[in-house]
Amino acid sequence: MQKYAVLIGMNGAGLTNGLYLPPGGVVVQLVPRPYRLQVNNVEFGELLRGGAGGGYLEWHASVTDYQNGDTIVTVSEIIDVAQQALGMFDSARQQYHANEEL
């Protein structure tokens, strides 16, 4: 994990691996719709931000195949959120080099 700038994954316990990202690392949680889980994403995001010192983003599915229970993910949406996460990582790394805090 320490070699990755961004960790992107479906919501779940596997995202706690974001704690091992390098300084400035960003975690992106993909959240299915409708969102029915009883998880406090604010606290989860704060936990992950504390580990990597970078950022936390959520992507919420806009389309779900209710009959099959599938979340529909479009490539362009994931590219957009990945670019946003990489921008957050770059900003955090620049701040690190300026302040040597991360």
N, C-alpha and C. Protein backbone atom coordinates (compact mmCIF):
# COMPACT_ATOMS: atom_id res chain seq x y z
N MET A 1 0.82 -1.20 0.00
CA MET A 1 0.00 0.00 0.00
C MET A 1 0.86 1.26 0.00
N GLN A 2 2.05 1.18 0.53
CA GLN A 2 2.87 2.38 0.65
C GLN A 2 3.40 2.88 -0.69
N LYS A 3 3.15 2.13 -1.76
CA LYS A 3 3.59 2.56 -3.08
C LYS A 3 2.48 3.22 -3.88
N TYR A 4 1.26 3.29 -3.31
CA TYR A 4 0.12 3.85 -4.03
C TYR A 4 -0.20 5.25 -3.54
N ALA A 5 -0.59 6.11 -4.47
CA ALA A 5 -1.02 7.46 -4.12
C ALA A 5 -2.50 7.47 -3.79
N VAL A 6 -3.28 6.60 -4.46
CA VAL A 6 -4.73 6.59 -4.32
C VAL A 6 -5.21 5.15 -4.19
N LEU A 7 -6.13 4.93 -3.27
CA LEU A 7 -6.80 3.64 -3.11
C LEU A 7 -8.27 3.85 -3.43
N ILE A 8 -8.78 3.12 -4.43
CA ILE A 8 -10.18 3.22 -4.83
C ILE A 8 -10.82 1.86 -4.64
N GLY A 9 -11.95 1.82 -3.92
CA GLY A 9 -12.63 0.56 -3.73
C GLY A 9 -14.06 0.73 -3.27
N MET A 10 -14.82 -0.36 -3.41
CA MET A 10 -16.19 -0.36 -2.91
C MET A 10 -16.17 -0.21 -1.40
N ASN A 11 -17.24 0.35 -0.85
CA ASN A 11 -17.27 0.55 0.59
C ASN A 11 -17.14 -0.80 1.29
N GLY A 12 -16.38 -0.79 2.38
CA GLY A 12 -16.17 -2.02 3.12
C GLY A 12 -14.86 -1.97 3.89
N ALA A 13 -14.62 -3.02 4.64
CA ALA A 13 -13.47 -3.08 5.53
C ALA A 13 -12.14 -3.03 4.79
N GLY A 14 -12.11 -3.46 3.54
CA GLY A 14 -10.87 -3.45 2.77
C GLY A 14 -10.27 -2.07 2.62
N LEU A 15 -11.10 -1.04 2.70
CA LEU A 15 -10.58 0.33 2.57
C LEU A 15 -9.75 0.77 3.76
N THR A 16 -9.81 0.02 4.86
CA THR A 16 -8.95 0.39 6.00
C THR A 16 -7.48 0.22 5.64
N ASN A 17 -7.19 -0.47 4.54
CA ASN A 17 -5.81 -0.54 4.05
C ASN A 17 -5.29 0.85 3.69
N GLY A 18 -6.21 1.80 3.52
CA GLY A 18 -5.81 3.17 3.26
C GLY A 18 -4.96 3.77 4.39
N LEU A 19 -5.03 3.17 5.56
CA LEU A 19 -4.19 3.63 6.67
C LEU A 19 -2.70 3.47 6.36
N TYR A 20 -2.39 2.59 5.41
CA TYR A 20 -0.99 2.30 5.09
C TYR A 20 -0.52 3.00 3.82
N LEU A 21 -1.33 3.89 3.29
CA LEU A 21 -0.89 4.68 2.14
C LEU A 21 0.25 5.60 2.58
N PRO A 22 1.05 6.05 1.63
CA PRO A 22 2.13 6.99 1.99
C PRO A 22 1.54 8.33 2.42
N PRO A 23 2.35 9.18 3.02
CA PRO A 23 1.85 10.51 3.39
C PRO A 23 1.19 11.20 2.20
N GLY A 24 0.01 11.74 2.43
CA GLY A 24 -0.73 12.41 1.37
C GLY A 24 -1.64 11.50 0.58
N GLY A 25 -1.62 10.20 0.85
CA GLY A 25 -2.45 9.25 0.13
C GLY A 25 -3.93 9.56 0.27
N VAL A 26 -4.69 9.23 -0.76
CA VAL A 26 -6.12 9.55 -0.82
C VAL A 26 -6.91 8.25 -0.98
N VAL A 27 -8.00 8.13 -0.21
CA VAL A 27 -8.89 6.98 -0.30
C VAL A 27 -10.19 7.43 -0.95
N VAL A 28 -10.65 6.65 -1.95
CA VAL A 28 -11.92 6.92 -2.62
C VAL A 28 -12.83 5.73 -2.34
N GLN A 29 -13.96 6.01 -1.71
CA GLN A 29 -14.94 4.96 -1.42
C GLN A 29 -16.05 5.02 -2.45
N LEU A 30 -16.28 3.90 -3.13
CA LEU A 30 -17.36 3.79 -4.10
C LEU A 30 -18.59 3.31 -3.34
N VAL A 31 -19.64 4.11 -3.34
CA VAL A 31 -20.84 3.83 -2.56
C VAL A 31 -21.98 3.46 -3.50
N PRO A 32 -22.56 2.26 -3.33
CA PRO A 32 -23.67 1.88 -4.19
C PRO A 32 -24.93 2.67 -3.85
N ARG A 33 -25.86 2.67 -4.82
CA ARG A 33 -27.12 3.35 -4.57
C ARG A 33 -28.24 2.34 -4.74
N PRO A 34 -29.20 2.26 -3.95
CA PRO A 34 -29.40 3.13 -2.79
C PRO A 34 -28.46 2.75 -1.66
N TYR A 35 -28.04 3.76 -0.95
CA TYR A 35 -27.10 3.56 0.15
C TYR A 35 -27.87 3.09 1.37
N ARG A 36 -27.72 1.83 1.70
CA ARG A 36 -28.51 1.25 2.80
C ARG A 36 -27.67 0.82 3.99
N LEU A 37 -26.39 1.03 3.93
CA LEU A 37 -25.53 0.59 5.02
C LEU A 37 -25.62 1.55 6.20
N GLN A 38 -25.45 1.02 7.38
CA GLN A 38 -25.48 1.83 8.60
C GLN A 38 -24.05 2.13 9.03
N VAL A 39 -23.36 2.91 8.23
CA VAL A 39 -21.97 3.25 8.49
C VAL A 39 -21.86 4.76 8.61
N ASN A 40 -21.08 5.22 9.57
CA ASN A 40 -20.86 6.65 9.70
C ASN A 40 -19.66 7.00 8.83
N ASN A 41 -19.92 7.42 7.59
CA ASN A 41 -18.84 7.70 6.66
C ASN A 41 -18.01 8.91 7.06
N VAL A 42 -18.58 9.81 7.84
CA VAL A 42 -17.81 10.96 8.30
C VAL A 42 -16.67 10.47 9.19
N GLU A 43 -16.99 9.63 10.15
CA GLU A 43 -15.95 9.11 11.04
C GLU A 43 -14.99 8.20 10.29
N PHE A 44 -15.49 7.40 9.35
CA PHE A 44 -14.64 6.53 8.55
C PHE A 44 -13.65 7.35 7.74
N GLY A 45 -14.15 8.42 7.12
CA GLY A 45 -13.28 9.30 6.35
C GLY A 45 -12.23 9.97 7.21
N GLU A 46 -12.62 10.39 8.41
CA GLU A 46 -11.66 11.00 9.33
C GLU A 46 -10.57 10.01 9.75
N LEU A 47 -10.97 8.77 9.99
CA LEU A 47 -10.00 7.72 10.32
C LEU A 47 -8.98 7.56 9.21
N LEU A 48 -9.45 7.48 7.98
CA LEU A 48 -8.55 7.29 6.85
C LEU A 48 -7.69 8.52 6.60
N ARG A 49 -8.24 9.70 6.76
CA ARG A 49 -7.45 10.92 6.59
C ARG A 49 -6.33 10.97 7.61
N GLY A 50 -6.61 10.51 8.80
CA GLY A 50 -5.58 10.51 9.84
C GLY A 50 -4.45 9.56 9.53
N GLY A 51 -4.75 8.46 8.84
CA GLY A 51 -3.71 7.49 8.53
C GLY A 51 -2.76 7.98 7.46
N ALA A 52 -3.30 8.47 6.37
CA ALA A 52 -2.46 8.86 5.25
C ALA A 52 -2.18 10.36 5.23
N GLY A 53 -2.99 11.12 5.93
CA GLY A 53 -2.79 12.57 5.93
C GLY A 53 -3.22 13.23 4.64
N GLY A 54 -3.80 12.49 3.73
CA GLY A 54 -4.21 13.04 2.44
C GLY A 54 -5.67 13.40 2.44
N GLY A 55 -6.46 12.58 1.79
CA GLY A 55 -7.86 12.92 1.69
C GLY A 55 -8.75 11.70 1.58
N TYR A 56 -10.02 11.99 1.59
CA TYR A 56 -11.04 10.96 1.49
C TYR A 56 -12.16 11.48 0.60
N LEU A 57 -12.53 10.70 -0.39
CA LEU A 57 -13.62 11.06 -1.29
C LEU A 57 -14.63 9.93 -1.33
N GLU A 58 -15.87 10.30 -1.60
CA GLU A 58 -16.91 9.29 -1.84
C GLU A 58 -17.49 9.53 -3.22
N TRP A 59 -17.68 8.45 -3.94
CA TRP A 59 -18.40 8.47 -5.20
C TRP A 59 -19.69 7.70 -4.98
N HIS A 60 -20.82 8.32 -5.31
CA HIS A 60 -22.12 7.67 -5.14
C HIS A 60 -22.68 7.31 -6.50
N ALA A 61 -23.06 6.04 -6.64
CA ALA A 61 -23.64 5.57 -7.89
C ALA A 61 -24.93 6.32 -8.19
N SER A 62 -25.08 6.71 -9.44
CA SER A 62 -26.31 7.39 -9.82
C SER A 62 -27.31 6.42 -10.42
N VAL A 63 -26.86 5.22 -10.79
CA VAL A 63 -27.73 4.24 -11.41
C VAL A 63 -27.51 2.88 -10.76
N THR A 64 -28.60 2.22 -10.43
CA THR A 64 -28.56 0.87 -9.88
C THR A 64 -29.57 0.00 -10.62
N ASP A 65 -29.16 -1.20 -10.94
CA ASP A 65 -30.07 -2.18 -11.54
C ASP A 65 -30.78 -2.85 -10.38
N TYR A 66 -31.95 -2.33 -10.02
CA TYR A 66 -32.65 -2.81 -8.83
C TYR A 66 -33.06 -4.27 -8.93
N GLN A 67 -33.34 -4.74 -10.14
CA GLN A 67 -33.78 -6.11 -10.30
C GLN A 67 -32.65 -7.10 -9.96
N ASN A 68 -31.44 -6.76 -10.35
CA ASN A 68 -30.30 -7.64 -10.10
C ASN A 68 -29.45 -7.18 -8.93
N GLY A 69 -29.73 -6.01 -8.39
CA GLY A 69 -28.96 -5.50 -7.26
C GLY A 69 -27.58 -5.01 -7.63
N ASP A 70 -27.37 -4.71 -8.90
CA ASP A 70 -26.05 -4.27 -9.36
C ASP A 70 -25.94 -2.76 -9.35
N THR A 71 -24.77 -2.27 -9.02
CA THR A 71 -24.46 -0.86 -9.13
C THR A 71 -23.81 -0.64 -10.49
N ILE A 72 -24.30 0.34 -11.22
CA ILE A 72 -23.76 0.64 -12.55
C ILE A 72 -22.69 1.71 -12.40
N VAL A 73 -21.50 1.41 -12.88
CA VAL A 73 -20.38 2.33 -12.78
C VAL A 73 -19.95 2.70 -14.19
N THR A 74 -19.92 3.98 -14.49
CA THR A 74 -19.44 4.41 -15.80
C THR A 74 -17.97 4.78 -15.71
N VAL A 75 -17.25 4.44 -16.75
CA VAL A 75 -15.81 4.67 -16.77
C VAL A 75 -15.49 6.15 -16.59
N SER A 76 -16.24 7.02 -17.24
CA SER A 76 -15.94 8.46 -17.16
C SER A 76 -16.08 8.98 -15.73
N GLU A 77 -17.06 8.48 -14.98
CA GLU A 77 -17.22 8.91 -13.58
C GLU A 77 -16.02 8.48 -12.74
N ILE A 78 -15.54 7.27 -12.95
CA ILE A 78 -14.40 6.78 -12.18
C ILE A 78 -13.13 7.54 -12.57
N ILE A 79 -12.97 7.83 -13.84
CA ILE A 79 -11.82 8.63 -14.28
C ILE A 79 -11.86 9.99 -13.61
N ASP A 80 -13.02 10.61 -13.57
CA ASP A 80 -13.15 11.94 -12.94
C ASP A 80 -12.78 11.89 -11.46
N VAL A 81 -13.29 10.90 -10.73
CA VAL A 81 -12.99 10.83 -9.30
C VAL A 81 -11.52 10.47 -9.08
N ALA A 82 -10.94 9.65 -9.95
CA ALA A 82 -9.53 9.31 -9.83
C ALA A 82 -8.65 10.54 -10.07
N GLN A 83 -9.02 11.35 -11.07
CA GLN A 83 -8.27 12.59 -11.32
C GLN A 83 -8.38 13.55 -10.15
N GLN A 84 -9.55 13.64 -9.57
CA GLN A 84 -9.72 14.51 -8.40
C GLN A 84 -8.86 14.01 -7.24
N ALA A 85 -8.83 12.70 -7.03
CA ALA A 85 -8.02 12.13 -5.96
C ALA A 85 -6.53 12.37 -6.20
N LEU A 86 -6.08 12.21 -7.44
CA LEU A 86 -4.67 12.47 -7.76
C LEU A 86 -4.32 13.94 -7.53
N GLY A 87 -5.26 14.84 -7.84
CA GLY A 87 -5.04 16.26 -7.56
C GLY A 87 -4.90 16.51 -6.07
N MET A 88 -5.72 15.85 -5.28
CA MET A 88 -5.62 15.99 -3.82
C MET A 88 -4.28 15.46 -3.32
N PHE A 89 -3.82 14.35 -3.89
CA PHE A 89 -2.53 13.79 -3.51
C PHE A 89 -1.40 14.75 -3.86
N ASP A 90 -1.44 15.30 -5.07
CA ASP A 90 -0.41 16.26 -5.48
C ASP A 90 -0.36 17.46 -4.56
N SER A 91 -1.53 17.98 -4.19
CA SER A 91 -1.59 19.13 -3.27
C SER A 91 -0.99 18.79 -1.92
N ALA A 92 -1.34 17.61 -1.41
CA ALA A 92 -0.82 17.19 -0.10
C ALA A 92 0.70 17.00 -0.16
N ARG A 93 1.20 16.44 -1.24
CA ARG A 93 2.65 16.24 -1.38
C ARG A 93 3.38 17.57 -1.49
N GLN A 94 2.80 18.54 -2.22
CA GLN A 94 3.42 19.86 -2.32
C GLN A 94 3.48 20.53 -0.95
N GLN A 95 2.41 20.38 -0.19
CA GLN A 95 2.39 20.95 1.16
C GLN A 95 3.43 20.24 2.03
N TYR A 96 3.58 18.95 1.87
CA TYR A 96 4.57 18.19 2.62
C TYR A 96 5.97 18.72 2.36
N HIS A 97 6.28 18.93 1.07
CA HIS A 97 7.63 19.42 0.75
C HIS A 97 7.83 20.84 1.23
N ALA A 98 6.75 21.64 1.27
CA ALA A 98 6.87 23.02 1.74
C ALA A 98 6.99 23.07 3.26
N ASN A 99 6.23 22.21 3.95
CA ASN A 99 6.18 22.28 5.41
C ASN A 99 6.83 21.09 6.12
N GLU A 100 7.12 20.05 5.37
CA GLU A 100 7.66 18.81 5.92
C GLU A 100 6.87 18.33 7.12
N GLU A 101 5.52 18.36 6.99
CA GLU A 101 4.65 17.95 8.09
C GLU A 101 4.10 16.55 7.91
N LEU A 102 3.99 16.07 6.67
CA LEU A 102 3.40 14.74 6.46
C LEU A 102 4.42 13.67 6.69
